[in-house]
Amino acid sequence: MSSITSSFPVALAGIRHNLNGLSEVSQQVAHASVDGAEAVDHAVSAVQALEYSNGVDASAAALKRANEALGSVFDALV
């Protein structure tokens, strides 16, 4: 059961990391558009955003599976 519960912080850290990355990419694009600052390659930014989005999805799926596994363990104990 400890391997199930240890999955929760890992999945949450993955979600947090990928949301921070997505926020950073979106801020870079927004600032470049408004400030006329350094040029941003929008294709690269789009790929990075998709990678971070997929990372959030994968971490959320891992969290869901760990939650389901923990629920199954509790059901078996009752």
N, C-alpha and C. Protein backbone atom coordinates (compact mmCIF):
# COMPACT_ATOMS: atom_id res chain seq x y z
N MET A 1 0.82 -1.19 0.00
CA MET A 1 0.00 0.00 0.00
C MET A 1 0.87 1.26 0.00
N SER A 2 2.10 1.17 0.53
CA SER A 2 2.93 2.37 0.56
C SER A 2 3.33 2.81 -0.85
N SER A 3 3.46 1.86 -1.78
CA SER A 3 3.78 2.26 -3.16
C SER A 3 2.62 3.00 -3.80
N ILE A 4 1.40 2.67 -3.38
CA ILE A 4 0.23 3.38 -3.90
C ILE A 4 0.21 4.80 -3.35
N THR A 5 0.38 4.93 -2.04
CA THR A 5 0.31 6.26 -1.43
C THR A 5 1.51 7.12 -1.83
N SER A 6 2.65 6.50 -2.14
CA SER A 6 3.80 7.30 -2.57
C SER A 6 3.60 7.83 -3.99
N SER A 7 2.65 7.28 -4.72
CA SER A 7 2.35 7.76 -6.06
C SER A 7 1.66 9.12 -6.05
N PHE A 8 0.95 9.43 -4.97
CA PHE A 8 0.20 10.69 -4.91
C PHE A 8 1.13 11.91 -5.00
N PRO A 9 2.17 12.00 -4.16
CA PRO A 9 3.04 13.19 -4.26
C PRO A 9 3.77 13.29 -5.60
N VAL A 10 4.13 12.15 -6.16
CA VAL A 10 4.82 12.15 -7.45
C VAL A 10 3.89 12.68 -8.55
N ALA A 11 2.66 12.20 -8.56
CA ALA A 11 1.69 12.66 -9.56
C ALA A 11 1.37 14.14 -9.38
N LEU A 12 1.20 14.56 -8.13
CA LEU A 12 0.92 15.98 -7.88
C LEU A 12 2.09 16.86 -8.28
N ALA A 13 3.31 16.39 -8.04
CA ALA A 13 4.49 17.15 -8.45
C ALA A 13 4.55 17.25 -9.98
N GLY A 14 4.17 16.18 -10.67
CA GLY A 14 4.13 16.21 -12.13
C GLY A 14 3.12 17.21 -12.64
N ILE A 15 1.96 17.24 -12.02
CA ILE A 15 0.94 18.21 -12.41
C ILE A 15 1.45 19.62 -12.18
N ARG A 16 2.01 19.86 -11.01
CA ARG A 16 2.51 21.19 -10.66
C ARG A 16 3.62 21.63 -11.63
N HIS A 17 4.56 20.75 -11.89
CA HIS A 17 5.67 21.06 -12.79
C HIS A 17 5.17 21.43 -14.18
N ASN A 18 4.26 20.63 -14.71
CA ASN A 18 3.77 20.87 -16.06
C ASN A 18 2.88 22.09 -16.15
N LEU A 19 2.11 22.38 -15.12
CA LEU A 19 1.31 23.61 -15.11
C LEU A 19 2.21 24.84 -15.06
N ASN A 20 3.29 24.75 -14.27
CA ASN A 20 4.24 25.87 -14.22
C ASN A 20 4.90 26.08 -15.58
N GLY A 21 5.28 24.99 -16.25
CA GLY A 21 5.88 25.09 -17.58
C GLY A 21 4.92 25.69 -18.58
N LEU A 22 3.67 25.27 -18.53
CA LEU A 22 2.65 25.80 -19.43
C LEU A 22 2.45 27.29 -19.20
N SER A 23 2.45 27.68 -17.94
CA SER A 23 2.31 29.09 -17.60
C SER A 23 3.49 29.91 -18.11
N GLU A 24 4.68 29.36 -17.97
CA GLU A 24 5.88 30.06 -18.43
C GLU A 24 5.87 30.25 -19.94
N VAL A 25 5.51 29.22 -20.68
CA VAL A 25 5.45 29.31 -22.14
C VAL A 25 4.41 30.35 -22.56
N SER A 26 3.25 30.32 -21.93
CA SER A 26 2.20 31.26 -22.32
C SER A 26 2.59 32.70 -21.98
N GLN A 27 3.30 32.90 -20.88
CA GLN A 27 3.77 34.24 -20.53
C GLN A 27 4.80 34.74 -21.53
N GLN A 28 5.69 33.87 -21.98
CA GLN A 28 6.70 34.27 -22.96
C GLN A 28 6.03 34.73 -24.26
N VAL A 29 5.03 33.99 -24.70
CA VAL A 29 4.33 34.36 -25.93
C VAL A 29 3.57 35.66 -25.73
N ALA A 30 2.90 35.80 -24.59
CA ALA A 30 2.11 37.01 -24.34
C ALA A 30 3.01 38.24 -24.25
N HIS A 31 4.11 38.13 -23.55
CA HIS A 31 5.01 39.28 -23.42
C HIS A 31 5.65 39.66 -24.75
N ALA A 32 6.01 38.68 -25.54
CA ALA A 32 6.60 38.97 -26.85
C ALA A 32 5.58 39.66 -27.75
N SER A 33 4.32 39.28 -27.63
CA SER A 33 3.27 39.88 -28.47
C SER A 33 2.99 41.31 -28.05
N VAL A 34 3.02 41.59 -26.75
CA VAL A 34 2.66 42.91 -26.25
C VAL A 34 3.86 43.85 -26.25
N ASP A 35 4.96 43.39 -25.72
CA ASP A 35 6.13 44.25 -25.55
C ASP A 35 6.96 44.40 -26.81
N GLY A 36 6.76 43.53 -27.76
CA GLY A 36 7.62 43.53 -28.92
C GLY A 36 9.04 43.12 -28.54
N ALA A 37 9.12 42.39 -27.45
CA ALA A 37 10.43 41.94 -26.95
C ALA A 37 11.03 40.93 -27.91
N GLU A 38 11.98 40.18 -27.41
CA GLU A 38 12.66 39.20 -28.24
C GLU A 38 11.67 38.32 -29.00
N ALA A 39 12.06 37.97 -30.19
CA ALA A 39 11.20 37.15 -31.05
C ALA A 39 10.98 35.77 -30.43
N VAL A 40 9.77 35.30 -30.53
CA VAL A 40 9.42 33.99 -30.01
C VAL A 40 9.02 33.12 -31.19
N ASP A 41 9.58 31.95 -31.26
CA ASP A 41 9.21 30.99 -32.30
C ASP A 41 7.90 30.33 -31.87
N HIS A 42 6.82 30.71 -32.50
CA HIS A 42 5.50 30.23 -32.08
C HIS A 42 5.33 28.73 -32.28
N ALA A 43 6.01 28.17 -33.25
CA ALA A 43 5.93 26.72 -33.46
C ALA A 43 6.56 25.99 -32.27
N VAL A 44 7.71 26.48 -31.83
CA VAL A 44 8.37 25.87 -30.67
C VAL A 44 7.51 26.04 -29.43
N SER A 45 6.94 27.22 -29.26
CA SER A 45 6.09 27.48 -28.10
C SER A 45 4.86 26.57 -28.11
N ALA A 46 4.29 26.35 -29.29
CA ALA A 46 3.11 25.48 -29.39
C ALA A 46 3.47 24.04 -29.03
N VAL A 47 4.63 23.58 -29.49
CA VAL A 47 5.07 22.22 -29.17
C VAL A 47 5.32 22.09 -27.67
N GLN A 48 5.97 23.09 -27.08
CA GLN A 48 6.23 23.06 -25.64
C GLN A 48 4.92 23.05 -24.86
N ALA A 49 3.97 23.87 -25.29
CA ALA A 49 2.67 23.91 -24.61
C ALA A 49 1.97 22.56 -24.68
N LEU A 50 2.04 21.91 -25.83
CA LEU A 50 1.44 20.58 -25.97
C LEU A 50 2.15 19.55 -25.08
N GLU A 51 3.47 19.64 -25.00
CA GLU A 51 4.22 18.73 -24.13
C GLU A 51 3.80 18.90 -22.67
N TYR A 52 3.71 20.14 -22.23
CA TYR A 52 3.30 20.39 -20.85
C TYR A 52 1.85 19.96 -20.62
N SER A 53 1.00 20.21 -21.59
CA SER A 53 -0.40 19.79 -21.47
C SER A 53 -0.51 18.27 -21.37
N ASN A 54 0.25 17.58 -22.21
CA ASN A 54 0.26 16.12 -22.14
C ASN A 54 0.83 15.62 -20.82
N GLY A 55 1.81 16.34 -20.28
CA GLY A 55 2.37 15.99 -18.98
C GLY A 55 1.35 16.11 -17.87
N VAL A 56 0.53 17.17 -17.93
CA VAL A 56 -0.55 17.32 -16.94
C VAL A 56 -1.53 16.17 -17.07
N ASP A 57 -1.91 15.84 -18.30
CA ASP A 57 -2.85 14.73 -18.52
C ASP A 57 -2.29 13.41 -17.99
N ALA A 58 -1.02 13.15 -18.26
CA ALA A 58 -0.40 11.90 -17.82
C ALA A 58 -0.32 11.83 -16.29
N SER A 59 0.05 12.94 -15.67
CA SER A 59 0.13 12.96 -14.21
C SER A 59 -1.25 12.82 -13.58
N ALA A 60 -2.24 13.45 -14.18
CA ALA A 60 -3.61 13.32 -13.67
C ALA A 60 -4.10 11.89 -13.81
N ALA A 61 -3.75 11.24 -14.91
CA ALA A 61 -4.14 9.83 -15.10
C ALA A 61 -3.46 8.95 -14.06
N ALA A 62 -2.19 9.23 -13.76
CA ALA A 62 -1.48 8.46 -12.74
C ALA A 62 -2.13 8.67 -11.37
N LEU A 63 -2.51 9.90 -11.08
CA LEU A 63 -3.18 10.20 -9.81
C LEU A 63 -4.52 9.47 -9.72
N LYS A 64 -5.25 9.45 -10.82
CA LYS A 64 -6.54 8.76 -10.85
C LYS A 64 -6.35 7.26 -10.62
N ARG A 65 -5.35 6.66 -11.27
CA ARG A 65 -5.10 5.22 -11.10
C ARG A 65 -4.70 4.90 -9.67
N ALA A 66 -3.85 5.73 -9.08
CA ALA A 66 -3.44 5.51 -7.68
C ALA A 66 -4.64 5.62 -6.75
N ASN A 67 -5.51 6.57 -7.02
CA ASN A 67 -6.71 6.74 -6.21
C ASN A 67 -7.62 5.52 -6.34
N GLU A 68 -7.78 5.03 -7.54
CA GLU A 68 -8.60 3.83 -7.76
C GLU A 68 -7.99 2.62 -7.06
N ALA A 69 -6.68 2.48 -7.13
CA ALA A 69 -6.00 1.35 -6.48
C ALA A 69 -6.16 1.44 -4.97
N LEU A 70 -6.04 2.63 -4.42
CA LEU A 70 -6.20 2.80 -2.98
C LEU A 70 -7.63 2.49 -2.57
N GLY A 71 -8.59 2.91 -3.39
CA GLY A 71 -9.99 2.58 -3.11
C GLY A 71 -10.23 1.08 -3.12
N SER A 72 -9.58 0.37 -4.04
CA SER A 72 -9.71 -1.09 -4.10
C SER A 72 -9.12 -1.75 -2.86
N VAL A 73 -8.00 -1.21 -2.37
CA VAL A 73 -7.40 -1.75 -1.17
C VAL A 73 -8.33 -1.54 0.02
N PHE A 74 -8.91 -0.37 0.13
CA PHE A 74 -9.84 -0.11 1.24
C PHE A 74 -11.07 -0.99 1.15
N ASP A 75 -11.57 -1.18 -0.09
CA ASP A 75 -12.73 -2.06 -0.27
C ASP A 75 -12.41 -3.48 0.16
N ALA A 76 -11.21 -3.93 -0.13
CA ALA A 76 -10.81 -5.30 0.25
C ALA A 76 -10.67 -5.44 1.76
N LEU A 77 -10.30 -4.36 2.43
CA LEU A 77 -10.15 -4.41 3.88
C LEU A 77 -11.47 -4.39 4.61
N VAL A 78 -12.49 -3.86 3.99
CA VAL A 78 -13.81 -3.73 4.64
C VAL A 78 -14.65 -4.91 4.41
